[in-house]
Amino acid sequence: MPALVMPPCLALSPLECSEGTSPTHAAKPEAAANLAKPSTSQAIETAVTASTPLRHLSASHVGFHLGCWASAVQTGLSRFLAAKSRDGAGTYRVKNETGAELGYLCRRYIDRDLPVLLWVSIDLRPTVNGPWYRLEPGGEPFMWISNEHCVVLAGYDREHYICCDPWKDRGMAAWPRETVWQRHRELGMQAVALEGPV
């Protein structure tokens, strides 16, 4: 597969999703609905509102960034690649593989030398439920999963998944399969893969 040079700002810039976009296998709002709703005794930051991570990089009005989920990355990456294909780089297809088991992702992509973006946690720390915040524009409560992080799954062996981790310029890291599996599940088994050129 020809190398694609991706702008470093891709993960930091808003990845707007046009209204009506309905990616196949996208992370669904029901996933958040299945999480426990705040009780009256749980505080919801009423001063903190943010946009949904399903559509773009979620940031609040008070200046902190939460992140974004697979559907937003799929949209942003698809737009980036569409522009590159007009420049003669070939046509690539971005697939939201949220919900797919790690074994399937390895067989379908890694065994064919195709990387997969994988949601795990920073340093594979346990995830933490919260903070709660209110989604714009309607103000409905939403619980973020803290320690959320995205890495590139690049390989595996019998005991490890090998990932390229941008956190603190870590580079390639071999992590225990069981821990990666657990953190990936805690974050809704989100994954985005690239196929092509077609």
Protein backbone atom coordinates (compact mmCIF):
# COMPACT_ATOMS: atom_id res chain seq x y z
CA MET A 1 0.00 0.00 0.00
CA PRO A 2 1.47 3.40 -0.92
CA ALA A 3 2.32 5.58 2.03
CA LEU A 4 -0.07 8.41 2.81
CA VAL A 5 1.22 11.44 4.59
CA MET A 6 -1.46 12.58 7.00
CA PRO A 7 -1.44 16.02 8.55
CA PRO A 8 -0.49 15.92 12.23
CA CYS A 9 -3.44 18.16 13.00
CA LEU A 10 -5.97 15.58 11.75
CA ALA A 11 -6.54 14.18 15.23
CA LEU A 12 -6.74 17.65 16.74
CA SER A 13 -8.95 19.50 14.29
CA PRO A 14 -12.73 19.30 14.28
CA LEU A 15 -13.86 16.37 12.18
CA GLU A 16 -17.26 17.67 11.20
CA CYS A 17 -19.80 15.18 10.01
CA SER A 18 -22.41 16.48 7.63
CA GLU A 19 -26.01 16.29 8.80
CA GLY A 20 -27.63 13.07 7.77
CA THR A 21 -24.39 11.10 7.55
CA SER A 22 -25.04 7.58 8.69
CA PRO A 23 -21.83 5.55 8.57
CA THR A 24 -22.20 1.78 8.48
CA HIS A 25 -21.35 0.13 11.81
CA ALA A 26 -20.92 3.55 13.43
CA ALA A 27 -20.88 3.96 17.17
CA LYS A 28 -24.50 4.51 17.98
CA PRO A 29 -26.01 6.92 20.49
CA GLU A 30 -27.68 3.90 22.10
CA ALA A 31 -24.22 2.87 23.38
CA ALA A 32 -24.17 5.99 25.53
CA ALA A 33 -27.80 5.44 26.47
CA ASN A 34 -26.91 2.03 27.89
CA LEU A 35 -24.62 3.70 30.41
CA ALA A 36 -26.13 4.63 33.75
CA LYS A 37 -27.95 7.95 33.66
CA PRO A 38 -27.05 10.43 36.38
CA SER A 39 -29.24 10.31 39.45
CA THR A 40 -30.33 13.45 41.18
CA SER A 41 -27.44 12.95 43.59
CA GLN A 42 -24.89 12.98 40.75
CA ALA A 43 -23.78 16.41 39.67
CA ILE A 44 -23.89 17.26 36.00
CA GLU A 45 -21.65 20.13 35.09
CA THR A 46 -24.30 22.61 34.01
CA ALA A 47 -21.69 25.18 33.08
CA VAL A 48 -19.89 22.73 30.82
CA THR A 49 -21.44 21.95 27.48
CA ALA A 50 -19.78 20.17 24.61
CA SER A 51 -20.54 18.78 21.23
CA THR A 52 -21.12 15.09 20.66
CA PRO A 53 -17.99 12.98 20.07
CA LEU A 54 -20.01 10.95 17.57
CA ARG A 55 -19.78 13.82 15.07
CA HIS A 56 -16.56 15.72 15.77
CA LEU A 57 -13.80 16.46 18.25
CA SER A 58 -15.63 17.23 21.44
CA ALA A 59 -14.50 20.38 23.20
CA SER A 60 -16.15 22.50 25.84
CA HIS A 61 -16.61 26.22 26.18
CA VAL A 62 -14.21 26.19 29.11
CA GLY A 63 -11.33 25.03 26.94
CA PHE A 64 -10.82 21.33 27.58
CA HIS A 65 -10.85 18.68 24.88
CA LEU A 66 -12.45 15.31 25.41
CA GLY A 67 -11.81 13.56 22.09
CA CYS A 68 -13.90 11.96 19.40
CA TRP A 69 -15.22 8.56 18.50
CA ALA A 70 -14.90 6.28 15.51
CA SER A 71 -17.73 7.79 13.46
CA ALA A 72 -16.11 11.25 13.61
CA VAL A 73 -12.69 9.87 12.63
CA GLN A 74 -14.27 7.91 9.77
CA THR A 75 -15.86 11.08 8.42
CA GLY A 76 -12.74 13.22 8.76
CA LEU A 77 -10.44 10.59 7.31
CA SER A 78 -12.84 9.95 4.41
CA ARG A 79 -12.82 13.65 3.56
CA PHE A 80 -9.03 13.82 3.77
CA LEU A 81 -8.61 10.78 1.53
CA ALA A 82 -11.16 12.04 -0.98
CA ALA A 83 -9.07 15.19 -1.39
CA LYS A 84 -5.91 13.11 -1.76
CA SER A 85 -7.53 10.88 -4.41
CA ARG A 86 -8.18 13.99 -6.50
CA ASP A 87 -4.41 14.55 -6.31
CA GLY A 88 -3.73 11.10 -7.82
CA ALA A 89 -3.06 9.20 -4.57
CA GLY A 90 -5.61 6.47 -5.35
CA THR A 91 -8.97 5.85 -3.79
CA TYR A 92 -9.15 4.48 -0.28
CA ARG A 93 -12.17 3.30 1.64
CA VAL A 94 -12.56 4.03 5.34
CA LYS A 95 -14.56 1.47 7.31
CA ASN A 96 -15.97 2.00 10.76
CA GLU A 97 -15.41 -1.41 12.33
CA THR A 98 -16.91 -0.55 15.72
CA GLY A 99 -18.12 -3.72 17.36
CA ALA A 100 -15.69 -6.03 15.56
CA GLU A 101 -13.65 -8.43 17.67
CA LEU A 102 -9.87 -7.94 17.75
CA GLY A 103 -9.29 -11.37 16.19
CA TYR A 104 -11.41 -10.39 13.20
CA LEU A 105 -9.58 -7.07 12.84
CA CYS A 106 -6.24 -8.90 12.87
CA ARG A 107 -7.32 -11.43 10.24
CA ARG A 108 -9.13 -8.91 8.03
CA TYR A 109 -6.60 -6.08 8.16
CA ILE A 110 -3.36 -6.72 10.04
CA ASP A 111 -2.67 -9.99 8.18
CA ARG A 112 -2.99 -7.95 4.96
CA ASP A 113 -0.63 -5.22 6.25
CA LEU A 114 -3.47 -2.76 6.71
CA PRO A 115 -3.41 -0.74 9.96
CA VAL A 116 -6.45 -0.25 12.20
CA LEU A 117 -7.20 2.71 14.47
CA LEU A 118 -8.19 1.24 17.80
CA TRP A 119 -9.75 2.88 20.86
CA VAL A 120 -8.12 1.81 24.13
CA SER A 121 -7.05 3.89 27.13
CA ILE A 122 -3.99 6.01 27.78
CA ASP A 123 -1.20 3.72 29.01
CA LEU A 124 -3.89 0.99 29.15
CA ARG A 125 -5.07 2.48 32.44
CA PRO A 126 -8.52 1.49 33.63
CA THR A 127 -11.18 3.73 32.16
CA VAL A 128 -13.19 5.98 34.44
CA ASN A 129 -16.84 6.86 33.95
CA GLY A 130 -17.20 10.62 33.78
CA PRO A 131 -17.25 13.52 33.63
CA TRP A 132 -20.86 14.14 32.78
CA TYR A 133 -21.56 17.12 30.59
CA ARG A 134 -24.39 18.49 28.52
CA LEU A 135 -24.50 18.03 24.75
CA GLU A 136 -25.08 20.99 22.49
CA PRO A 137 -27.50 22.19 21.36
CA GLY A 138 -30.21 20.37 23.33
CA GLY A 139 -28.49 20.02 26.71
CA GLU A 140 -29.05 16.29 27.14
CA PRO A 141 -26.68 14.67 29.66
CA PHE A 142 -23.76 12.65 28.33
CA MET A 143 -21.13 10.68 30.20
CA TRP A 144 -17.61 10.74 28.83
CA ILE A 145 -15.32 7.75 29.43
CA SER A 146 -12.10 9.21 30.81
CA ASN A 147 -8.63 7.99 29.75
CA GLU A 148 -9.98 7.44 26.22
CA HIS A 149 -7.16 7.10 23.69
CA CYS A 150 -6.66 5.99 20.10
CA VAL A 151 -3.69 3.98 18.80
CA VAL A 152 -2.79 2.27 15.54
CA LEU A 153 -2.99 -1.51 15.73
CA ALA A 154 -0.09 -2.65 13.57
CA GLY A 155 0.59 -6.29 14.52
CA TYR A 156 0.18 -9.10 17.00
CA ASP A 157 1.74 -12.27 18.31
CA ARG A 158 0.47 -15.00 20.63
CA GLU A 159 0.68 -12.82 23.74
CA HIS A 160 0.61 -9.20 22.53
CA TYR A 161 -1.04 -6.66 20.31
CA ILE A 162 1.55 -4.35 18.77
CA CYS A 163 0.40 -0.76 18.52
CA CYS A 164 1.86 2.53 17.45
CA ASP A 165 1.05 4.87 20.31
CA PRO A 166 1.41 8.64 19.80
CA TRP A 167 1.15 9.29 23.55
CA LYS A 168 4.43 10.83 24.74
CA ASP A 169 6.11 9.73 21.47
CA ARG A 170 6.00 6.13 22.66
CA GLY A 171 6.17 4.68 19.14
CA MET A 172 5.63 0.94 18.80
CA ALA A 173 4.56 -0.91 21.95
CA ALA A 174 3.74 -4.58 22.58
CA TRP A 175 0.87 -4.81 25.03
CA PRO A 176 -0.69 -7.88 26.70
CA ARG A 177 -3.65 -9.11 24.65
CA GLU A 178 -6.00 -9.45 27.60
CA THR A 179 -5.46 -5.86 28.75
CA VAL A 180 -5.89 -4.43 25.25
CA TRP A 181 -9.05 -6.51 24.82
CA GLN A 182 -10.47 -5.22 28.12
CA ARG A 183 -9.73 -1.52 27.44
CA HIS A 184 -11.02 -1.82 23.87
CA ARG A 185 -14.31 -3.24 25.22
CA GLU A 186 -14.56 -0.49 27.86
CA LEU A 187 -14.50 2.05 25.03
CA GLY A 188 -17.24 0.40 22.99
CA MET A 189 -14.96 -1.70 20.73
CA GLN A 190 -14.41 1.29 18.47
CA ALA A 191 -12.15 0.79 15.45
CA VAL A 192 -11.60 2.39 12.06
CA ALA A 193 -9.79 0.65 9.20
CA LEU A 194 -8.46 1.75 5.84
CA GLU A 195 -8.69 -0.31 2.66
CA GLY A 196 -7.23 0.49 -0.72
CA PRO A 197 -6.24 1.79 -3.04
CA VAL A 198 -9.23 0.53 -4.99
